[in-house]
């Protein structure tokens, strides 16, 4: 898909300001309101924008054990169709499928595997994970999202959950539509939205793009090393243009960096850059595809 400078400007702003109105986006980007409306509707119709995704802190719902599972089995249907699956996609080396999941704790995770007779070839427990700005859209914004920030479990009534469920479908949904779905007033819906943010239950929002239409591919880089590398790796990820996310755990792979790239040469350059910055690193390259389905932000609701 051929994106012009105005497209990149608009997508970059929208990516970090999903809930802004057409009027606000117009003012901030210098595009007319008509241009903003037309372009956003076009992106959605053509599938460039797949979904507006809210970022929730799972700990607020009692789910604190986030994992990515890798399978050689090409269709681990039981886990993909379970209430724990957030997203899944293809892997093009060593493994066949990856599945991102969330569980209450390690005990519930292991119990699910045992009862379902599921045997992943690799389990990554996200003891720390961070999502970075999409800098491939020329965005050097500082905001990043720590995906496992510890907060206490919250209680939600029926109307809260109806409101939250509607927000998971479309984080750009109008307040009036969110209110209607939850059976509450627009004033109360706005209050609930602000409360979710202030209590760090809702930590942000992103756009789920069709990355192929943007001309990008995914590669996951596993790094073997001790925890003394943590600061160095975090600094690298914060500044590197192609880095989208980072996870850290105590077992192998201790670190995982996801990058976007347009060409094989660009991927090789990113790998060389990592090796140059983190001299002690032993790395493994895992080419992956983008999520097969729309992200199910809170699958357990």
C-alpha atoms as a PDB file:
ATOM      1  CA  UNK A   1       0.000   0.000   0.000  1.00  0.00           C
ATOM      2  CA  UNK A   2       1.475   3.331  -1.097  1.00  0.00           C
ATOM      3  CA  UNK A   3       1.348   5.757   1.829  1.00  0.00           C
ATOM      4  CA  UNK A   4       2.041   9.430   1.246  1.00  0.00           C
ATOM      5  CA  UNK A   5       3.525  11.815   3.847  1.00  0.00           C
ATOM      6  CA  UNK A   6       0.044  12.970   4.930  1.00  0.00           C
ATOM      7  CA  UNK A   7      -1.003   9.345   5.447  1.00  0.00           C
ATOM      8  CA  UNK A   8       2.021   8.705   7.647  1.00  0.00           C
ATOM      9  CA  UNK A   9       1.386  11.892   9.600  1.00  0.00           C
ATOM     10  CA  UNK A  10      -2.235  10.916  10.209  1.00  0.00           C
ATOM     11  CA  UNK A  11      -1.527   7.275  11.093  1.00  0.00           C
ATOM     12  CA  UNK A  12       1.285   8.295  13.425  1.00  0.00           C
ATOM     13  CA  UNK A  13      -0.930  10.706  15.341  1.00  0.00           C
ATOM     14  CA  UNK A  14      -3.940   8.369  15.410  1.00  0.00           C
ATOM     15  CA  UNK A  15      -1.802   5.495  16.676  1.00  0.00           C
ATOM     16  CA  UNK A  16      -1.156   7.309  19.958  1.00  0.00           C
ATOM     17  CA  UNK A  17      -4.403   9.286  20.164  1.00  0.00           C
ATOM     18  CA  UNK A  18      -7.042   6.757  19.192  1.00  0.00           C
ATOM     19  CA  UNK A  19      -9.938   8.401  21.004  1.00  0.00           C
ATOM     20  CA  UNK A  20      -9.450  11.901  19.602  1.00  0.00           C
ATOM     21  CA  UNK A  21     -12.263  13.331  17.487  1.00  0.00           C
ATOM     22  CA  UNK A  22     -11.909  14.140  13.798  1.00  0.00           C
ATOM     23  CA  UNK A  23     -11.833  17.839  14.735  1.00  0.00           C
ATOM     24  CA  UNK A  24      -8.948  17.366  17.192  1.00  0.00           C
ATOM     25  CA  UNK A  25      -7.002  15.155  14.806  1.00  0.00           C
ATOM     26  CA  UNK A  26      -7.494  17.747  12.084  1.00  0.00           C
ATOM     27  CA  UNK A  27      -6.126  20.506  14.315  1.00  0.00           C
ATOM     28  CA  UNK A  28      -3.098  18.474  15.436  1.00  0.00           C
ATOM     29  CA  UNK A  29      -2.146  17.155  11.986  1.00  0.00           C
ATOM     30  CA  UNK A  30      -2.941  20.201   9.856  1.00  0.00           C
ATOM     31  CA  UNK A  31      -5.269  18.164   7.639  1.00  0.00           C
ATOM     32  CA  UNK A  32      -8.850  19.255   7.004  1.00  0.00           C
ATOM     33  CA  UNK A  33     -11.609  17.504   8.923  1.00  0.00           C
ATOM     34  CA  UNK A  34     -12.918  16.108   5.636  1.00  0.00           C
ATOM     35  CA  UNK A  35      -9.475  14.662   4.799  1.00  0.00           C
ATOM     36  CA  UNK A  36      -9.196  13.079   8.241  1.00  0.00           C
ATOM     37  CA  UNK A  37     -12.659  11.524   8.052  1.00  0.00           C
ATOM     38  CA  UNK A  38     -12.178  10.250   4.499  1.00  0.00           C
ATOM     39  CA  UNK A  39      -8.724   8.793   5.099  1.00  0.00           C
ATOM     40  CA  UNK A  40      -9.575   7.013   8.373  1.00  0.00           C
ATOM     41  CA  UNK A  41     -12.709   5.468   6.873  1.00  0.00           C
ATOM     42  CA  UNK A  42     -10.640   4.407   3.842  1.00  0.00           C
ATOM     43  CA  UNK A  43      -7.968   2.777   6.043  1.00  0.00           C
ATOM     44  CA  UNK A  44     -10.687   0.826   7.841  1.00  0.00           C
ATOM     45  CA  UNK A  45     -12.531  -0.203   4.677  1.00  0.00           C
ATOM     46  CA  UNK A  46      -9.348  -1.384   2.947  1.00  0.00           C
ATOM     47  CA  UNK A  47      -8.235  -3.327   6.014  1.00  0.00           C
ATOM     48  CA  UNK A  48      -5.105  -1.313   6.771  1.00  0.00           C
ATOM     49  CA  UNK A  49      -6.623  -0.613  10.195  1.00  0.00           C
ATOM     50  CA  UNK A  50      -7.923  -3.932  11.486  1.00  0.00           C
ATOM     51  CA  UNK A  51      -9.034  -2.784  14.920  1.00  0.00           C
ATOM     52  CA  UNK A  52      -8.606  -0.180  17.656  1.00  0.00           C
ATOM     53  CA  UNK A  53      -7.285  -2.117  20.645  1.00  0.00           C
ATOM     54  CA  UNK A  54      -7.469  -0.956  24.275  1.00  0.00           C
ATOM     55  CA  UNK A  55      -4.579  -1.984  26.526  1.00  0.00           C
ATOM     56  CA  UNK A  56      -5.871  -3.332  29.833  1.00  0.00           C
ATOM     57  CA  UNK A  57      -3.900  -4.336  32.899  1.00  0.00           C
ATOM     58  CA  UNK A  58      -4.910  -7.978  33.333  1.00  0.00           C
ATOM     59  CA  UNK A  59      -3.909  -7.901  37.007  1.00  0.00           C
ATOM     60  CA  UNK A  60      -6.972  -5.745  37.693  1.00  0.00           C
ATOM     61  CA  UNK A  61      -9.109  -8.726  36.657  1.00  0.00           C
ATOM     62  CA  UNK A  62      -7.067 -11.232  38.655  1.00  0.00           C
ATOM     63  CA  UNK A  63      -5.038 -12.512  35.703  1.00  0.00           C
ATOM     64  CA  UNK A  64      -1.333 -12.105  36.437  1.00  0.00           C
ATOM     65  CA  UNK A  65       0.344 -14.954  34.552  1.00  0.00           C
ATOM     66  CA  UNK A  66       1.003 -13.992  30.925  1.00  0.00           C
ATOM     67  CA  UNK A  67       2.635 -16.506  28.612  1.00  0.00           C
ATOM     68  CA  UNK A  68       3.502 -17.085  24.973  1.00  0.00           C
ATOM     69  CA  UNK A  69       3.372 -20.715  23.896  1.00  0.00           C
ATOM     70  CA  UNK A  70       5.145 -22.145  20.856  1.00  0.00           C
ATOM     71  CA  UNK A  71       3.880 -25.309  19.179  1.00  0.00           C
ATOM     72  CA  UNK A  72       5.141 -27.585  16.441  1.00  0.00           C
ATOM     73  CA  UNK A  73       1.560 -28.819  16.109  1.00  0.00           C
ATOM     74  CA  UNK A  74       0.092 -26.687  13.282  1.00  0.00           C
ATOM     75  CA  UNK A  75      -3.331 -26.390  14.927  1.00  0.00           C
ATOM     76  CA  UNK A  76      -3.442 -26.326  18.764  1.00  0.00           C
ATOM     77  CA  UNK A  77      -7.187 -25.695  18.629  1.00  0.00           C
ATOM     78  CA  UNK A  78      -7.889 -26.284  22.319  1.00  0.00           C
ATOM     79  CA  UNK A  79      -5.754 -23.369  23.457  1.00  0.00           C
ATOM     80  CA  UNK A  80      -6.708 -21.050  20.587  1.00  0.00           C
ATOM     81  CA  UNK A  81     -10.430 -21.472  21.318  1.00  0.00           C
ATOM     82  CA  UNK A  82     -10.023 -21.263  25.093  1.00  0.00           C
ATOM     83  CA  UNK A  83     -10.955 -18.301  27.286  1.00  0.00           C
ATOM     84  CA  UNK A  84      -7.244 -17.670  27.857  1.00  0.00           C
ATOM     85  CA  UNK A  85      -6.142 -16.927  24.283  1.00  0.00           C
ATOM     86  CA  UNK A  86      -5.435 -13.271  23.464  1.00  0.00           C
ATOM     87  CA  UNK A  87      -3.915 -13.792  20.020  1.00  0.00           C
ATOM     88  CA  UNK A  88      -2.074 -16.326  17.875  1.00  0.00           C
ATOM     89  CA  UNK A  89      -0.096 -16.490  14.654  1.00  0.00           C
ATOM     90  CA  UNK A  90       2.228 -18.485  12.420  1.00  0.00           C
ATOM     91  CA  UNK A  91       5.913 -19.207  12.984  1.00  0.00           C
ATOM     92  CA  UNK A  92       8.184 -19.911  10.018  1.00  0.00           C
ATOM     93  CA  UNK A  93      11.158 -21.623  11.626  1.00  0.00           C
ATOM     94  CA  UNK A  94      11.557 -24.331  14.293  1.00  0.00           C
ATOM     95  CA  UNK A  95       7.960 -23.924  15.508  1.00  0.00           C
ATOM     96  CA  UNK A  96       4.636 -23.680  13.655  1.00  0.00           C
ATOM     97  CA  UNK A  97       2.302 -21.642  15.895  1.00  0.00           C
ATOM     98  CA  UNK A  98       2.615 -19.092  18.692  1.00  0.00           C
ATOM     99  CA  UNK A  99      -0.234 -18.324  21.126  1.00  0.00           C
ATOM    100  CA  UNK A 100      -0.363 -15.399  23.576  1.00  0.00           C
ATOM    101  CA  UNK A 101      -2.366 -16.244  26.699  1.00  0.00           C
ATOM    102  CA  UNK A 102      -3.205 -14.957  30.153  1.00  0.00           C
ATOM    103  CA  UNK A 103      -3.983 -17.003  33.274  1.00  0.00           C
ATOM    104  CA  UNK A 104      -4.753 -16.295  36.917  1.00  0.00           C
ATOM    105  CA  UNK A 105      -1.486 -17.860  38.090  1.00  0.00           C
ATOM    106  CA  UNK A 106       1.010 -20.594  37.265  1.00  0.00           C
ATOM    107  CA  UNK A 107      -1.126 -23.245  38.964  1.00  0.00           C
ATOM    108  CA  UNK A 108      -4.154 -22.500  36.775  1.00  0.00           C
ATOM    109  CA  UNK A 109      -1.911 -22.476  33.693  1.00  0.00           C
ATOM    110  CA  UNK A 110      -0.395 -25.880  34.458  1.00  0.00           C
ATOM    111  CA  UNK A 111      -3.805 -27.282  35.364  1.00  0.00           C
ATOM    112  CA  UNK A 112      -5.226 -26.147  32.024  1.00  0.00           C
ATOM    113  CA  UNK A 113      -2.365 -27.793  30.115  1.00  0.00           C
ATOM    114  CA  UNK A 114      -2.835 -31.043  32.014  1.00  0.00           C
ATOM    115  CA  UNK A 115      -6.616 -31.194  31.604  1.00  0.00           C
ATOM    116  CA  UNK A 116      -6.455 -30.258  27.936  1.00  0.00           C
ATOM    117  CA  UNK A 117      -3.502 -32.584  27.218  1.00  0.00           C
ATOM    118  CA  UNK A 118      -1.640 -29.687  25.565  1.00  0.00           C
ATOM    119  CA  UNK A 119       2.138 -29.858  25.237  1.00  0.00           C
ATOM    120  CA  UNK A 120       3.811 -26.674  23.953  1.00  0.00           C
ATOM    121  CA  UNK A 121       7.411 -27.029  22.802  1.00  0.00           C
ATOM    122  CA  UNK A 122       8.361 -23.720  24.425  1.00  0.00           C
ATOM    123  CA  UNK A 123       6.749 -21.686  27.203  1.00  0.00           C
ATOM    124  CA  UNK A 124       7.690 -18.057  27.729  1.00  0.00           C
ATOM    125  CA  UNK A 125       6.482 -16.537  30.990  1.00  0.00           C
ATOM    126  CA  UNK A 126       6.388 -12.749  30.608  1.00  0.00           C
ATOM    127  CA  UNK A 127       7.782 -11.750  33.974  1.00  0.00           C
ATOM    128  CA  UNK A 128       8.437  -8.355  32.418  1.00  0.00           C
ATOM    129  CA  UNK A 129       7.176  -7.047  29.083  1.00  0.00           C
ATOM    130  CA  UNK A 130       7.073  -3.661  27.419  1.00  0.00           C
ATOM    131  CA  UNK A 131       5.369  -2.338  24.304  1.00  0.00           C
ATOM    132  CA  UNK A 132       7.186   0.497  22.498  1.00  0.00           C
ATOM    133  CA  UNK A 133       5.907   3.255  20.207  1.00  0.00           C
ATOM    134  CA  UNK A 134       5.565   2.247  16.571  1.00  0.00           C
ATOM    135  CA  UNK A 135       8.636   4.198  15.492  1.00  0.00           C
ATOM    136  CA  UNK A 136       8.463   2.805  11.962  1.00  0.00           C
ATOM    137  CA  UNK A 137       5.786   5.486  11.487  1.00  0.00           C
ATOM    138  CA  UNK A 138       8.452   8.118  12.184  1.00  0.00           C
ATOM    139  CA  UNK A 139       7.152   8.474  15.711  1.00  0.00           C
ATOM    140  CA  UNK A 140       9.715   9.170  18.417  1.00  0.00           C
ATOM    141  CA  UNK A 141       7.071   9.586  21.102  1.00  0.00           C
ATOM    142  CA  UNK A 142       8.277   8.627  24.537  1.00  0.00           C
ATOM    143  CA  UNK A 143       5.236   6.702  25.749  1.00  0.00           C
ATOM    144  CA  UNK A 144       5.731   2.984  26.299  1.00  0.00           C
ATOM    145  CA  UNK A 145       3.476   0.505  28.042  1.00  0.00           C
ATOM    146  CA  UNK A 146       4.662  -1.878  30.715  1.00  0.00           C
ATOM    147  CA  UNK A 147       2.272  -4.766  30.238  1.00  0.00           C
ATOM    148  CA  UNK A 148       2.600  -6.340  33.677  1.00  0.00           C
ATOM    149  CA  UNK A 149       2.451  -3.384  36.055  1.00  0.00           C
ATOM    150  CA  UNK A 150       1.351  -4.722  39.435  1.00  0.00           C
ATOM    151  CA  UNK A 151      -1.946  -3.429  40.785  1.00  0.00           C
ATOM    152  CA  UNK A 152      -4.498  -5.013  43.076  1.00  0.00           C
ATOM    153  CA  UNK A 153      -7.471  -6.924  41.702  1.00  0.00           C
ATOM    154  CA  UNK A 154     -10.534  -4.709  41.274  1.00  0.00           C
ATOM    155  CA  UNK A 155     -14.233  -5.465  41.602  1.00  0.00           C
ATOM    156  CA  UNK A 156     -16.592  -4.733  38.711  1.00  0.00           C
ATOM    157  CA  UNK A 157     -20.375  -4.689  38.663  1.00  0.00           C
ATOM    158  CA  UNK A 158     -22.503  -5.827  35.720  1.00  0.00           C
ATOM    159  CA  UNK A 159     -22.639  -2.399  34.093  1.00  0.00           C
ATOM    160  CA  UNK A 160     -18.869  -1.993  34.482  1.00  0.00           C
ATOM    161  CA  UNK A 161     -18.304  -5.256  32.630  1.00  0.00           C
ATOM    162  CA  UNK A 162     -20.778  -4.384  29.881  1.00  0.00           C
ATOM    163  CA  UNK A 163     -18.980  -1.072  29.415  1.00  0.00           C
ATOM    164  CA  UNK A 164     -15.548  -2.732  29.387  1.00  0.00           C
ATOM    165  CA  UNK A 165     -16.640  -5.465  26.964  1.00  0.00           C
ATOM    166  CA  UNK A 166     -17.895  -2.854  24.525  1.00  0.00           C
ATOM    167  CA  UNK A 167     -14.646  -0.930  24.818  1.00  0.00           C
ATOM    168  CA  UNK A 168     -12.644  -4.094  24.003  1.00  0.00           C
ATOM    169  CA  UNK A 169     -14.460  -4.302  20.653  1.00  0.00           C
ATOM    170  CA  UNK A 170     -13.409  -0.820  19.623  1.00  0.00           C
ATOM    171  CA  UNK A 171     -11.351   1.524  21.780  1.00  0.00           C
ATOM    172  CA  UNK A 172     -12.307   4.380  19.453  1.00  0.00           C
ATOM    173  CA  UNK A 173     -16.041   3.870  20.046  1.00  0.00           C
ATOM    174  CA  UNK A 174     -18.018   7.004  20.870  1.00  0.00           C
ATOM    175  CA  UNK A 175     -18.998   7.620  24.484  1.00  0.00           C
ATOM    176  CA  UNK A 176     -22.661   7.647  23.486  1.00  0.00           C
ATOM    177  CA  UNK A 177     -22.320   4.147  21.968  1.00  0.00           C
ATOM    178  CA  UNK A 178     -20.428   2.801  24.974  1.00  0.00           C
ATOM    179  CA  UNK A 179     -23.113   4.239  27.244  1.00  0.00           C
ATOM    180  CA  UNK A 180     -25.927   2.693  25.205  1.00  0.00           C
ATOM    181  CA  UNK A 181     -24.321  -0.755  25.277  1.00  0.00           C
ATOM    182  CA  UNK A 182     -23.904  -0.591  29.069  1.00  0.00           C
ATOM    183  CA  UNK A 183     -27.351   0.907  29.672  1.00  0.00           C
ATOM    184  CA  UNK A 184     -25.979   4.005  31.372  1.00  0.00           C
ATOM    185  CA  UNK A 185     -25.866   7.744  30.725  1.00  0.00           C
ATOM    186  CA  UNK A 186     -23.118   9.328  28.633  1.00  0.00           C
ATOM    187  CA  UNK A 187     -21.962  11.247  31.721  1.00  0.00           C
ATOM    188  CA  UNK A 188     -21.559   8.012  33.685  1.00  0.00           C
ATOM    189  CA  UNK A 189     -19.805   6.335  30.742  1.00  0.00           C
ATOM    190  CA  UNK A 190     -17.284   9.188  30.574  1.00  0.00           C
ATOM    191  CA  UNK A 191     -16.766   8.905  34.339  1.00  0.00           C
ATOM    192  CA  UNK A 192     -16.139   5.152  34.044  1.00  0.00           C
ATOM    193  CA  UNK A 193     -13.653   5.660  31.225  1.00  0.00           C
ATOM    194  CA  UNK A 194     -11.718   8.241  33.223  1.00  0.00           C
ATOM    195  CA  UNK A 195     -11.768   6.002  36.295  1.00  0.00           C
ATOM    196  CA  UNK A 196     -10.378   3.041  34.326  1.00  0.00           C
ATOM    197  CA  UNK A 197      -7.489   5.260  33.249  1.00  0.00           C
ATOM    198  CA  UNK A 198      -6.844   6.880  36.649  1.00  0.00           C
ATOM    199  CA  UNK A 199      -6.757   3.474  38.389  1.00  0.00           C
ATOM    200  CA  UNK A 200      -4.373   2.126  35.707  1.00  0.00           C
ATOM    201  CA  UNK A 201      -6.835  -0.552  34.632  1.00  0.00           C
ATOM    202  CA  UNK A 202      -6.897   0.901  31.130  1.00  0.00           C
ATOM    203  CA  UNK A 203      -3.318   1.887  30.342  1.00  0.00           C
ATOM    204  CA  UNK A 204      -3.592   2.945  26.710  1.00  0.00           C
ATOM    205  CA  UNK A 205      -4.783   2.073  23.236  1.00  0.00           C
ATOM    206  CA  UNK A 206      -3.151   1.007  19.991  1.00  0.00           C
ATOM    207  CA  UNK A 207      -4.141   0.244  16.420  1.00  0.00           C
ATOM    208  CA  UNK A 208      -3.947  -3.313  15.137  1.00  0.00           C
ATOM    209  CA  UNK A 209      -2.653  -2.711  11.621  1.00  0.00           C
ATOM    210  CA  UNK A 210      -2.419  -5.099   8.705  1.00  0.00           C
ATOM    211  CA  UNK A 211       1.370  -4.893   8.667  1.00  0.00           C
ATOM    212  CA  UNK A 212       1.650  -6.485   5.223  1.00  0.00           C
ATOM    213  CA  UNK A 213      -0.253  -3.532   3.800  1.00  0.00           C
ATOM    214  CA  UNK A 214       2.322  -1.271   5.447  1.00  0.00           C
ATOM    215  CA  UNK A 215       5.013  -3.425   3.836  1.00  0.00           C
ATOM    216  CA  UNK A 216       6.464  -4.863   7.056  1.00  0.00           C
ATOM    217  CA  UNK A 217       7.283  -8.338   8.346  1.00  0.00           C
ATOM    218  CA  UNK A 218       7.913  -9.633  11.864  1.00  0.00           C
ATOM    219  CA  UNK A 219      10.910 -11.325  13.430  1.00  0.00           C
ATOM    220  CA  UNK A 220      11.311 -12.399  17.032  1.00  0.00           C
ATOM    221  CA  UNK A 221      14.870 -12.435  18.362  1.00  0.00           C
ATOM    222  CA  UNK A 222      15.580 -14.678  21.358  1.00  0.00           C
ATOM    223  CA  UNK A 223      18.605 -13.669  23.435  1.00  0.00           C
ATOM    224  CA  UNK A 224      20.379 -15.972  25.860  1.00  0.00           C
ATOM    225  CA  UNK A 225      22.184 -14.201  28.682  1.00  0.00           C
ATOM    226  CA  UNK A 226      22.194 -13.391  32.377  1.00  0.00           C
ATOM    227  CA  UNK A 227      20.147 -10.658  34.016  1.00  0.00           C
ATOM    228  CA  UNK A 228      23.150  -8.322  34.008  1.00  0.00           C
ATOM    229  CA  UNK A 229      22.253  -7.631  30.372  1.00  0.00           C
ATOM    230  CA  UNK A 230      18.828  -6.311  31.334  1.00  0.00           C
ATOM    231  CA  UNK A 231      19.666  -2.600  31.529  1.00  0.00           C
ATOM    232  CA  UNK A 232      21.702  -2.687  28.330  1.00  0.00           C
ATOM    233  CA  UNK A 233      18.915  -4.463  26.429  1.00  0.00           C
ATOM    234  CA  UNK A 234      16.241  -2.101  27.756  1.00  0.00           C
ATOM    235  CA  UNK A 235      18.264   0.925  26.670  1.00  0.00           C
ATOM    236  CA  UNK A 236      18.779  -0.542  23.223  1.00  0.00           C
ATOM    237  CA  UNK A 237      15.064  -1.315  22.777  1.00  0.00           C
ATOM    238  CA  UNK A 238      14.056   2.196  23.839  1.00  0.00           C
ATOM    239  CA  UNK A 239      16.173   3.766  21.111  1.00  0.00           C
ATOM    240  CA  UNK A 240      16.072   1.242  18.242  1.00  0.00           C
ATOM    241  CA  UNK A 241      13.682   2.221  15.454  1.00  0.00           C
ATOM    242  CA  UNK A 242      12.544  -1.293  14.533  1.00  0.00           C
ATOM    243  CA  UNK A 243      11.823  -2.616  18.022  1.00  0.00           C
ATOM    244  CA  UNK A 244       8.165  -3.097  18.899  1.00  0.00           C
ATOM    245  CA  UNK A 245       8.257  -5.105  22.142  1.00  0.00           C
ATOM    246  CA  UNK A 246      10.482  -6.743  24.729  1.00  0.00           C
ATOM    247  CA  UNK A 247       9.953  -9.583  27.186  1.00  0.00           C
ATOM    248  CA  UNK A 248      12.186 -10.800  30.022  1.00  0.00           C
ATOM    249  CA  UNK A 249      12.042 -14.073  31.941  1.00  0.00           C
ATOM    250  CA  UNK A 250      14.453 -16.139  34.061  1.00  0.00           C
ATOM    251  CA  UNK A 251      14.537 -19.234  31.814  1.00  0.00           C
ATOM    252  CA  UNK A 252      15.753 -19.516  28.221  1.00  0.00           C
ATOM    253  CA  UNK A 253      15.234 -17.362  26.263  1.00  0.00           C
ATOM    254  CA  UNK A 254      15.889 -14.798  28.982  1.00  0.00           C
ATOM    255  CA  UNK A 255      15.117 -11.936  26.586  1.00  0.00           C
ATOM    256  CA  UNK A 256      12.960 -11.606  23.506  1.00  0.00           C
ATOM    257  CA  UNK A 257      12.853  -8.620  21.155  1.00  0.00           C
ATOM    258  CA  UNK A 258      10.236  -8.307  18.428  1.00  0.00           C
ATOM    259  CA  UNK A 259      11.195  -6.218  15.408  1.00  0.00           C
ATOM    260  CA  UNK A 260       9.495  -5.024  12.218  1.00  0.00           C
ATOM    261  CA  UNK A 261      11.363  -4.887   8.934  1.00  0.00           C
ATOM    262  CA  UNK A 262      10.606  -4.422   5.249  1.00  0.00           C
ATOM    263  CA  UNK A 263      13.402  -6.477   3.723  1.00  0.00           C
ATOM    264  CA  UNK A 264      15.818  -9.244   4.642  1.00  0.00           C
ATOM    265  CA  UNK A 265      18.645  -6.722   4.510  1.00  0.00           C
ATOM    266  CA  UNK A 266      16.824  -4.541   7.029  1.00  0.00           C
ATOM    267  CA  UNK A 267      16.344  -7.561   9.292  1.00  0.00           C
ATOM    268  CA  UNK A 268      20.035  -8.446   9.046  1.00  0.00           C
ATOM    269  CA  UNK A 269      20.989  -4.876   9.882  1.00  0.00           C
ATOM    270  CA  UNK A 270      18.780  -4.974  12.990  1.00  0.00           C
ATOM    271  CA  UNK A 271      20.337  -8.267  14.094  1.00  0.00           C
ATOM    272  CA  UNK A 272      23.852  -6.914  13.543  1.00  0.00           C
ATOM    273  CA  UNK A 273      22.890  -3.807  15.508  1.00  0.00           C
ATOM    274  CA  UNK A 274      21.764  -5.960  18.436  1.00  0.00           C
ATOM    275  CA  UNK A 275      24.983  -7.966  18.310  1.00  0.00           C
ATOM    276  CA  UNK A 276      27.059  -4.769  18.225  1.00  0.00           C
ATOM    277  CA  UNK A 277      25.208  -3.236  21.181  1.00  0.00           C
ATOM    278  CA  UNK A 278      24.971  -6.414  23.246  1.00  0.00           C
ATOM    279  CA  UNK A 279      28.307  -8.107  22.666  1.00  0.00           C
ATOM    280  CA  UNK A 280      27.622 -10.935  25.126  1.00  0.00           C
ATOM    281  CA  UNK A 281      24.379 -11.938  23.407  1.00  0.00           C
ATOM    282  CA  UNK A 282      23.733 -15.364  21.917  1.00  0.00           C
ATOM    283  CA  UNK A 283      20.736 -14.981  19.651  1.00  0.00           C
ATOM    284  CA  UNK A 284      18.173 -17.142  17.880  1.00  0.00           C
ATOM    285  CA  UNK A 285      16.054 -15.828  14.999  1.00  0.00           C
ATOM    286  CA  UNK A 286      12.333 -16.717  14.882  1.00  0.00           C
ATOM    287  CA  UNK A 287      10.420 -15.333  11.856  1.00  0.00           C
ATOM    288  CA  UNK A 288       6.751 -14.945  12.757  1.00  0.00           C
ATOM    289  CA  UNK A 289       3.572 -13.776  11.082  1.00  0.00           C
ATOM    290  CA  UNK A 290       1.095 -11.223  12.359  1.00  0.00           C
ATOM    291  CA  UNK A 291      -1.885 -12.263  14.456  1.00  0.00           C
ATOM    292  CA  UNK A 292      -4.263 -14.453  12.474  1.00  0.00           C
ATOM    293  CA  UNK A 293      -7.419 -13.082  14.093  1.00  0.00           C
ATOM    294  CA  UNK A 294      -8.429  -9.864  15.812  1.00  0.00           C
ATOM    295  CA  UNK A 295      -6.874  -9.541  19.239  1.00  0.00           C
ATOM    296  CA  UNK A 296      -9.172 -10.677  22.067  1.00  0.00           C
ATOM    297  CA  UNK A 297      -8.020  -8.207  24.702  1.00  0.00           C
ATOM    298  CA  UNK A 298      -9.864  -9.736  27.673  1.00  0.00           C
ATOM    299  CA  UNK A 299     -10.688 -13.302  26.565  1.00  0.00           C
ATOM    300  CA  UNK A 300     -11.827 -14.376  30.034  1.00  0.00           C
ATOM    301  CA  UNK A 301     -14.794 -11.957  30.142  1.00  0.00           C
END
